[in-house]
């Protein structure tokens, strides 16, 4: 469903180890690994991030567009809002260039939305 877009983002940002789409309900729609396994429980991480986003939403913050970056077990865990109900979660090497990643996410975001 999202494979082509995931590959395009990875092609431009080789530091990406994993990316996937999760709902704010904590359920994963799809994920893709690049260059080996990641030693992180992604089901738990996705569910916990969904819980955090939902809690922020309940505080009446405007969460239509958000970006979260955490240093997590030697990687960056990065969250981008895709729609009010879905987010993109990435695991990357810390050497990733955030501005470059943001540029390509914005460029391909419409493809992710169209696949939902």
Protein backbone atom coordinates (compact mmCIF):
# COMPACT_ATOMS: atom_id res chain seq x y z
CA UNK A 1 0.00 0.00 0.00
CA UNK A 2 2.75 2.47 1.01
CA UNK A 3 5.76 0.53 -0.30
CA UNK A 4 6.58 2.81 -3.27
CA UNK A 5 6.47 5.95 -1.13
CA UNK A 6 8.54 4.31 1.63
CA UNK A 7 11.17 3.37 -0.97
CA UNK A 8 11.24 6.92 -2.39
CA UNK A 9 11.79 8.40 1.09
CA UNK A 10 14.51 5.86 1.83
CA UNK A 11 16.23 6.49 -1.50
CA UNK A 12 16.62 10.16 -0.55
CA UNK A 13 17.44 9.44 3.13
CA UNK A 14 19.61 6.30 3.40
CA UNK A 15 19.84 6.74 7.19
CA UNK A 16 16.28 5.40 7.57
CA UNK A 17 16.23 1.94 9.15
CA UNK A 18 12.45 1.48 9.40
CA UNK A 19 9.31 3.40 8.60
CA UNK A 20 5.64 2.69 9.05
CA UNK A 21 2.18 4.18 9.24
CA UNK A 22 0.28 3.95 12.53
CA UNK A 23 -3.16 5.14 13.53
CA UNK A 24 -3.80 7.26 16.61
CA UNK A 25 -5.55 4.15 17.94
CA UNK A 26 -2.09 2.52 18.14
CA UNK A 27 -2.65 0.02 15.34
CA UNK A 28 -0.06 -0.36 12.62
CA UNK A 29 -1.15 -0.20 8.98
CA UNK A 30 2.17 -1.07 7.35
CA UNK A 31 5.90 -0.94 8.03
CA UNK A 32 9.06 -1.53 6.04
CA UNK A 33 12.60 -2.28 7.19
CA UNK A 34 15.75 -1.08 5.46
CA UNK A 35 19.28 -2.42 6.09
CA UNK A 36 18.70 -4.87 8.91
CA UNK A 37 16.70 -5.30 12.06
CA UNK A 38 16.12 -2.65 14.69
CA UNK A 39 16.34 -3.69 18.34
CA UNK A 40 13.20 -1.80 19.35
CA UNK A 41 9.77 -3.22 20.13
CA UNK A 42 7.94 -1.35 17.37
CA UNK A 43 4.47 -2.55 18.35
CA UNK A 44 4.96 -1.07 21.80
CA UNK A 45 6.68 2.08 20.48
CA UNK A 46 3.86 2.71 17.97
CA UNK A 47 1.17 2.17 20.60
CA UNK A 48 2.96 4.42 23.11
CA UNK A 49 3.45 7.20 20.54
CA UNK A 50 -0.22 6.96 19.60
CA UNK A 51 -1.11 7.30 23.29
CA UNK A 52 1.11 10.38 23.68
CA UNK A 53 -0.36 12.01 20.56
CA UNK A 54 -3.91 11.27 21.72
CA UNK A 55 -3.18 12.75 25.16
CA UNK A 56 -1.77 15.92 23.59
CA UNK A 57 -4.85 16.08 21.38
CA UNK A 58 -7.09 15.88 24.45
CA UNK A 59 -5.33 18.97 25.87
CA UNK A 60 -6.78 20.91 22.92
CA UNK A 61 -3.43 21.55 21.26
CA UNK A 62 -3.68 21.97 17.51
CA UNK A 63 -2.17 18.69 16.31
CA UNK A 64 -3.02 18.90 12.64
CA UNK A 65 0.70 19.03 11.88
CA UNK A 66 3.36 17.80 14.28
CA UNK A 67 6.93 16.55 14.24
CA UNK A 68 8.44 14.63 17.15
CA UNK A 69 12.06 13.50 17.36
CA UNK A 70 13.38 11.34 20.20
CA UNK A 71 16.85 9.94 20.76
CA UNK A 72 15.96 6.32 21.37
CA UNK A 73 18.42 3.43 21.99
CA UNK A 74 21.11 4.92 19.73
CA UNK A 75 18.65 5.81 16.98
CA UNK A 76 16.27 8.67 16.31
CA UNK A 77 12.59 7.83 16.56
CA UNK A 78 10.84 10.41 14.37
CA UNK A 79 7.10 11.01 14.07
CA UNK A 80 5.38 13.03 11.35
CA UNK A 81 1.65 13.72 11.23
CA UNK A 82 0.11 12.45 8.00
CA UNK A 83 -3.56 13.15 8.75
CA UNK A 84 -5.40 13.89 12.00
CA UNK A 85 -5.82 10.12 12.47
CA UNK A 86 -2.50 8.71 11.15
CA UNK A 87 1.21 9.28 11.66
CA UNK A 88 4.45 8.14 10.05
CA UNK A 89 7.00 6.68 12.44
CA UNK A 90 10.65 6.33 11.40
CA UNK A 91 13.71 4.83 13.03
CA UNK A 92 16.88 6.45 11.68
CA UNK A 93 20.58 6.71 12.33
CA UNK A 94 21.39 9.88 14.31
CA UNK A 95 23.36 11.13 11.29
CA UNK A 96 20.15 11.88 9.36
CA UNK A 97 19.73 15.49 8.21
CA UNK A 98 16.33 16.60 9.61
CA UNK A 99 15.80 19.40 7.05
CA UNK A 100 16.37 17.02 4.16
CA UNK A 101 14.01 14.45 5.69
CA UNK A 102 11.35 17.15 6.24
CA UNK A 103 11.67 18.31 2.64
CA UNK A 104 11.14 14.83 1.19
CA UNK A 105 8.36 14.00 3.65
CA UNK A 106 6.51 17.14 2.53
CA UNK A 107 7.17 16.22 -1.10
CA UNK A 108 5.71 12.69 -0.77
CA UNK A 109 3.09 13.26 1.95
CA UNK A 110 0.26 13.48 -0.60
CA UNK A 111 1.15 9.95 -1.79
CA UNK A 112 0.81 8.61 1.76
CA UNK A 113 -2.54 10.33 2.19
CA UNK A 114 -3.79 8.98 -1.16
CA UNK A 115 -2.91 5.42 -0.07
CA UNK A 116 -4.93 5.66 3.16
